[in-house]
C-alpha atoms as a PDB file:
ATOM      1  CA  MET A   1     -14.630  34.249   1.252  1.00  0.00           C
ATOM      2  CA  ARG A   2     -12.345  31.219   1.320  1.00  0.00           C
ATOM      3  CA  GLU A   3      -9.312  31.545   3.579  1.00  0.00           C
ATOM      4  CA  PHE A   4      -5.850  30.255   2.702  1.00  0.00           C
ATOM      5  CA  VAL A   5      -3.286  28.607   4.940  1.00  0.00           C
ATOM      6  CA  THR A   6       0.434  29.305   4.610  1.00  0.00           C
ATOM      7  CA  ILE A   7       2.464  26.140   4.125  1.00  0.00           C
ATOM      8  CA  VAL A   8       6.214  25.602   4.155  1.00  0.00           C
ATOM      9  CA  HIS A   9       8.121  25.027   0.901  1.00  0.00           C
ATOM     10  CA  MET A  10      11.876  24.566   0.702  1.00  0.00           C
ATOM     11  CA  ASN A  11      12.293  25.771   4.287  1.00  0.00           C
ATOM     12  CA  ALA A  12      10.773  29.160   3.452  1.00  0.00           C
ATOM     13  CA  ASP A  13       7.286  30.469   4.114  1.00  0.00           C
ATOM     14  CA  PHE A  14       5.532  31.524   0.934  1.00  0.00           C
ATOM     15  CA  LEU A  15       2.373  30.824  -0.997  1.00  0.00           C
ATOM     16  CA  LEU A  16       2.662  28.961  -4.284  1.00  0.00           C
ATOM     17  CA  ALA A  17       0.177  30.071  -6.954  1.00  0.00           C
ATOM     18  CA  PRO A  18       0.507  27.965 -10.115  1.00  0.00           C
ATOM     19  CA  SER A  19      -0.809  29.734 -13.186  1.00  0.00           C
ATOM     20  CA  ILE A  20      -3.264  27.755 -15.282  1.00  0.00           C
ATOM     21  CA  LEU A  21      -2.117  29.772 -18.297  1.00  0.00           C
ATOM     22  CA  SER A  22       0.414  26.954 -18.734  1.00  0.00           C
ATOM     23  CA  ALA A  23      -2.011  24.133 -17.982  1.00  0.00           C
ATOM     24  CA  ASP A  24      -3.663  21.849 -20.516  1.00  0.00           C
ATOM     25  CA  PHE A  25      -6.752  23.856 -21.450  1.00  0.00           C
ATOM     26  CA  SER A  26      -8.572  20.687 -22.477  1.00  0.00           C
ATOM     27  CA  GLU A  27      -8.108  19.294 -18.944  1.00  0.00           C
ATOM     28  CA  LEU A  28      -8.421  22.308 -16.653  1.00  0.00           C
ATOM     29  CA  GLY A  29     -10.326  20.385 -13.999  1.00  0.00           C
ATOM     30  CA  ALA A  30      -7.528  17.824 -13.803  1.00  0.00           C
ATOM     31  CA  SER A  31      -4.988  20.656 -13.690  1.00  0.00           C
ATOM     32  CA  LEU A  32      -6.680  22.089 -10.600  1.00  0.00           C
ATOM     33  CA  GLU A  33      -6.385  18.724  -8.889  1.00  0.00           C
ATOM     34  CA  LEU A  34      -2.720  18.537  -9.905  1.00  0.00           C
ATOM     35  CA  ILE A  35      -2.115  21.940  -8.315  1.00  0.00           C
ATOM     36  CA  ARG A  36      -3.622  20.699  -5.066  1.00  0.00           C
ATOM     37  CA  LYS A  37      -1.684  17.441  -5.084  1.00  0.00           C
ATOM     38  CA  LYS A  38       1.621  19.172  -5.781  1.00  0.00           C
ATOM     39  CA  GLY A  39       1.220  21.583  -2.884  1.00  0.00           C
ATOM     40  CA  GLY A  40      -0.226  24.663  -4.542  1.00  0.00           C
ATOM     41  CA  ASP A  41      -1.829  27.178  -2.198  1.00  0.00           C
ATOM     42  CA  TRP A  42      -3.676  29.325  -4.737  1.00  0.00           C
ATOM     43  CA  VAL A  43      -4.769  29.009  -8.359  1.00  0.00           C
ATOM     44  CA  HIS A  44      -3.488  31.939 -10.426  1.00  0.00           C
ATOM     45  CA  ILE A  45      -5.767  32.799 -13.343  1.00  0.00           C
ATOM     46  CA  ASP A  46      -4.391  35.077 -16.060  1.00  0.00           C
ATOM     47  CA  VAL A  47      -7.102  36.955 -17.926  1.00  0.00           C
ATOM     48  CA  MET A  48      -5.889  38.541 -21.180  1.00  0.00           C
ATOM     49  CA  ASP A  49      -7.928  40.563 -23.657  1.00  0.00           C
ATOM     50  CA  GLY A  50      -5.660  40.681 -26.710  1.00  0.00           C
ATOM     51  CA  HIS A  51      -5.392  44.450 -26.268  1.00  0.00           C
ATOM     52  CA  PHE A  52      -3.573  45.267 -23.040  1.00  0.00           C
ATOM     53  CA  VAL A  53      -1.422  42.233 -23.821  1.00  0.00           C
ATOM     54  CA  PRO A  54      -1.059  40.449 -27.193  1.00  0.00           C
ATOM     55  CA  ASN A  55      -2.928  37.296 -26.277  1.00  0.00           C
ATOM     56  CA  LEU A  56      -6.402  36.001 -25.424  1.00  0.00           C
ATOM     57  CA  THR A  57      -7.157  33.597 -22.594  1.00  0.00           C
ATOM     58  CA  LEU A  58     -10.261  32.763 -20.601  1.00  0.00           C
ATOM     59  CA  GLY A  59     -13.241  34.655 -19.254  1.00  0.00           C
ATOM     60  CA  ALA A  60     -15.545  34.650 -16.262  1.00  0.00           C
ATOM     61  CA  PRO A  61     -17.773  31.769 -17.450  1.00  0.00           C
ATOM     62  CA  ILE A  62     -14.806  29.389 -17.413  1.00  0.00           C
ATOM     63  CA  VAL A  63     -13.763  30.582 -13.961  1.00  0.00           C
ATOM     64  CA  LYS A  64     -17.326  29.989 -12.768  1.00  0.00           C
ATOM     65  CA  ALA A  65     -17.277  26.467 -14.206  1.00  0.00           C
ATOM     66  CA  LEU A  66     -13.949  25.733 -12.496  1.00  0.00           C
ATOM     67  CA  ARG A  67     -14.897  27.157  -9.125  1.00  0.00           C
ATOM     68  CA  PRO A  68     -16.670  23.996  -7.809  1.00  0.00           C
ATOM     69  CA  LYS A  69     -13.667  21.877  -8.789  1.00  0.00           C
ATOM     70  CA  SER A  70     -11.197  23.413  -6.320  1.00  0.00           C
ATOM     71  CA  VAL A  71     -11.187  24.517  -2.692  1.00  0.00           C
ATOM     72  CA  LEU A  72      -8.109  26.684  -3.283  1.00  0.00           C
ATOM     73  CA  PRO A  73      -8.390  30.463  -3.527  1.00  0.00           C
ATOM     74  CA  PHE A  74      -8.704  31.798  -7.057  1.00  0.00           C
ATOM     75  CA  ASP A  75      -6.232  34.603  -7.750  1.00  0.00           C
ATOM     76  CA  VAL A  76      -7.543  36.396 -10.858  1.00  0.00           C
ATOM     77  CA  HIS A  77      -5.067  38.647 -12.654  1.00  0.00           C
ATOM     78  CA  LEU A  78      -6.778  41.027 -15.079  1.00  0.00           C
ATOM     79  CA  MET A  79      -4.412  41.934 -17.903  1.00  0.00           C
ATOM     80  CA  VAL A  80      -7.080  43.919 -19.707  1.00  0.00           C
ATOM     81  CA  SER A  81      -7.465  47.478 -20.933  1.00  0.00           C
ATOM     82  CA  ASN A  82     -10.776  48.122 -19.177  1.00  0.00           C
ATOM     83  CA  PRO A  83     -10.642  46.257 -15.859  1.00  0.00           C
ATOM     84  CA  GLY A  84     -13.733  48.015 -14.562  1.00  0.00           C
ATOM     85  CA  ASP A  85     -15.830  46.160 -17.132  1.00  0.00           C
ATOM     86  CA  HIS A  86     -14.958  42.780 -15.609  1.00  0.00           C
ATOM     87  CA  ILE A  87     -14.900  43.117 -11.828  1.00  0.00           C
ATOM     88  CA  GLU A  88     -18.451  42.040 -11.040  1.00  0.00           C
ATOM     89  CA  ALA A  89     -18.336  39.132 -13.483  1.00  0.00           C
ATOM     90  CA  PHE A  90     -15.191  37.614 -11.990  1.00  0.00           C
ATOM     91  CA  ALA A  91     -16.317  38.263  -8.427  1.00  0.00           C
ATOM     92  CA  ASP A  92     -19.601  36.479  -9.181  1.00  0.00           C
ATOM     93  CA  ALA A  93     -17.626  33.652 -10.816  1.00  0.00           C
ATOM     94  CA  GLY A  94     -15.809  32.974  -7.546  1.00  0.00           C
ATOM     95  CA  ALA A  95     -12.582  35.008  -7.608  1.00  0.00           C
ATOM     96  CA  ASP A  96     -11.063  35.453  -4.162  1.00  0.00           C
ATOM     97  CA  TYR A  97      -8.499  38.003  -5.308  1.00  0.00           C
ATOM     98  CA  ILE A  98      -8.951  40.337  -8.277  1.00  0.00           C
ATOM     99  CA  THR A  99      -5.837  42.164  -9.402  1.00  0.00           C
ATOM    100  CA  PHE A 100      -5.762  44.828 -12.104  1.00  0.00           C
ATOM    101  CA  HIS A 101      -2.954  46.853 -13.643  1.00  0.00           C
ATOM    102  CA  ILE A 102      -2.331  50.419 -12.544  1.00  0.00           C
ATOM    103  CA  GLU A 103      -1.305  51.113 -16.158  1.00  0.00           C
ATOM    104  CA  ALA A 104      -4.857  50.295 -17.295  1.00  0.00           C
ATOM    105  CA  ALA A 105      -6.778  52.280 -14.683  1.00  0.00           C
ATOM    106  CA  ILE A 106      -7.415  55.995 -14.336  1.00  0.00           C
ATOM    107  CA  HIS A 107      -9.627  55.738 -11.256  1.00  0.00           C
ATOM    108  CA  ALA A 108      -7.779  52.996  -9.384  1.00  0.00           C
ATOM    109  CA  ASN A 109      -9.258  53.925  -5.994  1.00  0.00           C
ATOM    110  CA  ARG A 110     -12.751  53.449  -7.368  1.00  0.00           C
ATOM    111  CA  LEU A 111     -11.918  50.024  -8.790  1.00  0.00           C
ATOM    112  CA  ILE A 112     -10.335  48.912  -5.538  1.00  0.00           C
ATOM    113  CA  SER A 113     -13.501  49.865  -3.674  1.00  0.00           C
ATOM    114  CA  ARG A 114     -15.672  48.025  -6.196  1.00  0.00           C
ATOM    115  CA  ILE A 115     -13.631  44.846  -5.863  1.00  0.00           C
ATOM    116  CA  ARG A 116     -13.986  44.926  -2.102  1.00  0.00           C
ATOM    117  CA  GLU A 117     -17.718  45.693  -2.306  1.00  0.00           C
ATOM    118  CA  CYS A 118     -18.105  42.613  -4.513  1.00  0.00           C
ATOM    119  CA  GLY A 119     -16.623  40.444  -1.772  1.00  0.00           C
ATOM    120  CA  ALA A 120     -13.171  39.886  -3.275  1.00  0.00           C
ATOM    121  CA  LYS A 121      -9.769  41.125  -2.144  1.00  0.00           C
ATOM    122  CA  PRO A 122      -8.267  43.861  -4.340  1.00  0.00           C
ATOM    123  CA  GLY A 123      -4.805  43.658  -5.845  1.00  0.00           C
ATOM    124  CA  ILE A 124      -2.761  46.015  -7.991  1.00  0.00           C
ATOM    125  CA  SER A 125      -0.069  45.080 -10.494  1.00  0.00           C
ATOM    126  CA  ILE A 126       2.783  46.761 -12.371  1.00  0.00           C
ATOM    127  CA  VAL A 127       4.676  45.769 -15.518  1.00  0.00           C
ATOM    128  CA  PRO A 128       8.501  45.811 -15.551  1.00  0.00           C
ATOM    129  CA  SER A 129       8.716  49.376 -16.886  1.00  0.00           C
ATOM    130  CA  THR A 130       6.498  50.862 -14.146  1.00  0.00           C
ATOM    131  CA  PRO A 131       8.162  52.070 -10.926  1.00  0.00           C
ATOM    132  CA  VAL A 132       6.806  51.296  -7.469  1.00  0.00           C
ATOM    133  CA  SER A 133       6.362  55.021  -6.816  1.00  0.00           C
ATOM    134  CA  VAL A 134       3.295  55.026  -9.089  1.00  0.00           C
ATOM    135  CA  LEU A 135       1.505  52.857  -6.522  1.00  0.00           C
ATOM    136  CA  ARG A 136       2.121  55.099  -3.533  1.00  0.00           C
ATOM    137  CA  GLU A 137      -1.451  56.401  -3.195  1.00  0.00           C
ATOM    138  CA  VAL A 138      -3.133  53.001  -3.453  1.00  0.00           C
ATOM    139  CA  LEU A 139      -0.823  50.854  -1.340  1.00  0.00           C
ATOM    140  CA  PRO A 140      -2.824  51.506   1.857  1.00  0.00           C
ATOM    141  CA  LEU A 141      -5.969  50.271   0.080  1.00  0.00           C
ATOM    142  CA  VAL A 142      -4.973  46.931  -1.447  1.00  0.00           C
ATOM    143  CA  ASP A 143      -4.479  43.416  -0.125  1.00  0.00           C
ATOM    144  CA  LEU A 144      -1.990  42.318  -2.778  1.00  0.00           C
ATOM    145  CA  VAL A 145       0.688  43.895  -4.972  1.00  0.00           C
ATOM    146  CA  LEU A 146       1.717  41.861  -8.006  1.00  0.00           C
ATOM    147  CA  VAL A 147       5.156  42.588  -9.457  1.00  0.00           C
ATOM    148  CA  MET A 148       5.490  41.382 -13.028  1.00  0.00           C
ATOM    149  CA  THR A 149       9.011  40.116 -13.596  1.00  0.00           C
ATOM    150  CA  VAL A 150       8.404  39.599 -17.317  1.00  0.00           C
ATOM    151  CA  ASN A 151       6.493  41.663 -19.834  1.00  0.00           C
ATOM    152  CA  PRO A 152       3.010  40.119 -19.599  1.00  0.00           C
ATOM    153  CA  GLY A 153       1.283  38.302 -22.411  1.00  0.00           C
ATOM    154  CA  PHE A 154       3.090  34.995 -22.820  1.00  0.00           C
ATOM    155  CA  GLY A 155       4.310  32.165 -20.608  1.00  0.00           C
ATOM    156  CA  GLY A 156       7.818  30.749 -20.593  1.00  0.00           C
ATOM    157  CA  GLN A 157       9.755  34.031 -20.508  1.00  0.00           C
ATOM    158  CA  SER A 158      12.941  34.704 -18.540  1.00  0.00           C
ATOM    159  CA  LEU A 159      12.724  36.619 -15.268  1.00  0.00           C
ATOM    160  CA  ILE A 160      14.031  40.213 -15.363  1.00  0.00           C
ATOM    161  CA  PRO A 161      16.294  40.325 -12.268  1.00  0.00           C
ATOM    162  CA  SER A 162      16.060  44.093 -11.731  1.00  0.00           C
ATOM    163  CA  CYS A 163      12.324  43.746 -11.052  1.00  0.00           C
ATOM    164  CA  LEU A 164      13.109  42.011  -7.762  1.00  0.00           C
ATOM    165  CA  GLU A 165      14.325  45.362  -6.411  1.00  0.00           C
ATOM    166  CA  LYS A 166      10.685  46.419  -6.572  1.00  0.00           C
ATOM    167  CA  VAL A 167       9.809  43.603  -4.199  1.00  0.00           C
ATOM    168  CA  ARG A 168      12.404  44.832  -1.716  1.00  0.00           C
ATOM    169  CA  GLU A 169      11.104  48.372  -2.052  1.00  0.00           C
ATOM    170  CA  LEU A 170       7.521  47.274  -1.475  1.00  0.00           C
ATOM    171  CA  LYS A 171       8.442  45.213   1.585  1.00  0.00           C
ATOM    172  CA  LYS A 172      10.355  48.159   3.040  1.00  0.00           C
ATOM    173  CA  MET A 173       7.419  50.528   2.458  1.00  0.00           C
ATOM    174  CA  LYS A 174       5.044  48.018   4.014  1.00  0.00           C
ATOM    175  CA  GLN A 175       7.118  47.823   7.161  1.00  0.00           C
ATOM    176  CA  GLU A 176       7.751  51.544   7.450  1.00  0.00           C
ATOM    177  CA  CYS A 177       4.120  52.543   6.826  1.00  0.00           C
ATOM    178  CA  ASP A 178       2.436  49.568   8.523  1.00  0.00           C
ATOM    179  CA  PHE A 179       0.593  48.563   5.350  1.00  0.00           C
ATOM    180  CA  SER A 180      -1.086  45.167   5.146  1.00  0.00           C
ATOM    181  CA  TYR A 181      -0.623  44.026   1.538  1.00  0.00           C
ATOM    182  CA  ILE A 182       1.273  40.931   0.499  1.00  0.00           C
ATOM    183  CA  VAL A 183       3.694  40.914  -2.446  1.00  0.00           C
ATOM    184  CA  SER A 184       3.405  38.504  -5.351  1.00  0.00           C
ATOM    185  CA  VAL A 185       5.887  37.857  -8.166  1.00  0.00           C
ATOM    186  CA  ASP A 186       4.835  36.593 -11.579  1.00  0.00           C
ATOM    187  CA  GLY A 187       7.102  35.719 -14.474  1.00  0.00           C
ATOM    188  CA  GLY A 188      10.061  33.455 -15.102  1.00  0.00           C
ATOM    189  CA  VAL A 189      10.018  31.719 -11.737  1.00  0.00           C
ATOM    190  CA  ASN A 190      11.699  28.321 -11.852  1.00  0.00           C
ATOM    191  CA  SER A 191      14.058  26.288  -9.680  1.00  0.00           C
ATOM    192  CA  ARG A 192      17.003  28.454 -10.725  1.00  0.00           C
ATOM    193  CA  THR A 193      15.358  31.842 -10.055  1.00  0.00           C
ATOM    194  CA  LEU A 194      13.243  30.877  -7.040  1.00  0.00           C
ATOM    195  CA  PRO A 195      15.988  31.492  -4.423  1.00  0.00           C
ATOM    196  CA  ALA A 196      16.448  35.100  -5.581  1.00  0.00           C
ATOM    197  CA  VAL A 197      12.687  35.629  -5.699  1.00  0.00           C
ATOM    198  CA  LEU A 198      12.328  34.460  -2.109  1.00  0.00           C
ATOM    199  CA  ASP A 199      15.411  36.344  -0.947  1.00  0.00           C
ATOM    200  CA  ALA A 200      13.763  39.563  -2.131  1.00  0.00           C
ATOM    201  CA  GLY A 201      10.923  38.925   0.317  1.00  0.00           C
ATOM    202  CA  THR A 202       8.213  37.608  -1.983  1.00  0.00           C
ATOM    203  CA  ASP A 203       5.086  36.331  -0.231  1.00  0.00           C
ATOM    204  CA  VAL A 204       3.316  34.725  -3.221  1.00  0.00           C
ATOM    205  CA  VAL A 205       5.164  32.944  -6.003  1.00  0.00           C
ATOM    206  CA  VAL A 206       3.350  32.560  -9.319  1.00  0.00           C
ATOM    207  CA  SER A 207       4.714  29.861 -11.609  1.00  0.00           C
ATOM    208  CA  GLY A 208       3.266  28.566 -14.842  1.00  0.00           C
ATOM    209  CA  SER A 209       5.540  26.807 -17.314  1.00  0.00           C
ATOM    210  CA  ALA A 210       8.027  25.593 -14.692  1.00  0.00           C
ATOM    211  CA  PHE A 211       5.302  24.241 -12.428  1.00  0.00           C
ATOM    212  CA  PHE A 212       3.379  22.304 -15.059  1.00  0.00           C
ATOM    213  CA  SER A 213       6.521  20.987 -16.751  1.00  0.00           C
ATOM    214  CA  GLY A 214       7.723  19.624 -13.421  1.00  0.00           C
ATOM    215  CA  GLU A 215      10.840  21.787 -13.506  1.00  0.00           C
ATOM    216  CA  LEU A 216       9.838  23.629 -10.322  1.00  0.00           C
ATOM    217  CA  GLU A 217       9.899  21.076  -7.543  1.00  0.00           C
ATOM    218  CA  ILE A 218       8.509  21.859  -4.094  1.00  0.00           C
END
């Protein structure tokens, strides 16, 4: 398991996880190097199946091919209807974190255990319409909680401000219950929205379009 190191951006401690969903798919190796050079801490990898979300992206073989090209942790976000069908494949491909959606899982506890048994760190995610309360039973079990601040499926959307209240709620629950997860935000993060995202207490900032366009400066 590769370990990450927290670095300082804009006078605030957080991890930057650029999403290769917005990278040049014909030059993914070069995009990984760009992430490293521009101060990225993780590589966020959006996996879409065209069913849970209306788009198709990349699979485990591509992640496996990219793994030797970066020393950064791979943060795999499964936006798929049957996440249990993909855990072993992405763990074998080199994922450090594997996050699935609570909306797509009936037996979430079982999937969390499988991810950990495969040597990766388990994460759970919610879409904008899902309340934090749905996660109550699994929060003690996960290493990461991913709050979607847009409806998943496409890059370049605008952040939904009300979703940041979920970050505050999760941070409060973590402190009160002595949980160990970190909170990630994905969707619509750019130079304009970043201050509010960080003010909410976000630990990991995912950025795709803004990062690769150069609009989000570190």
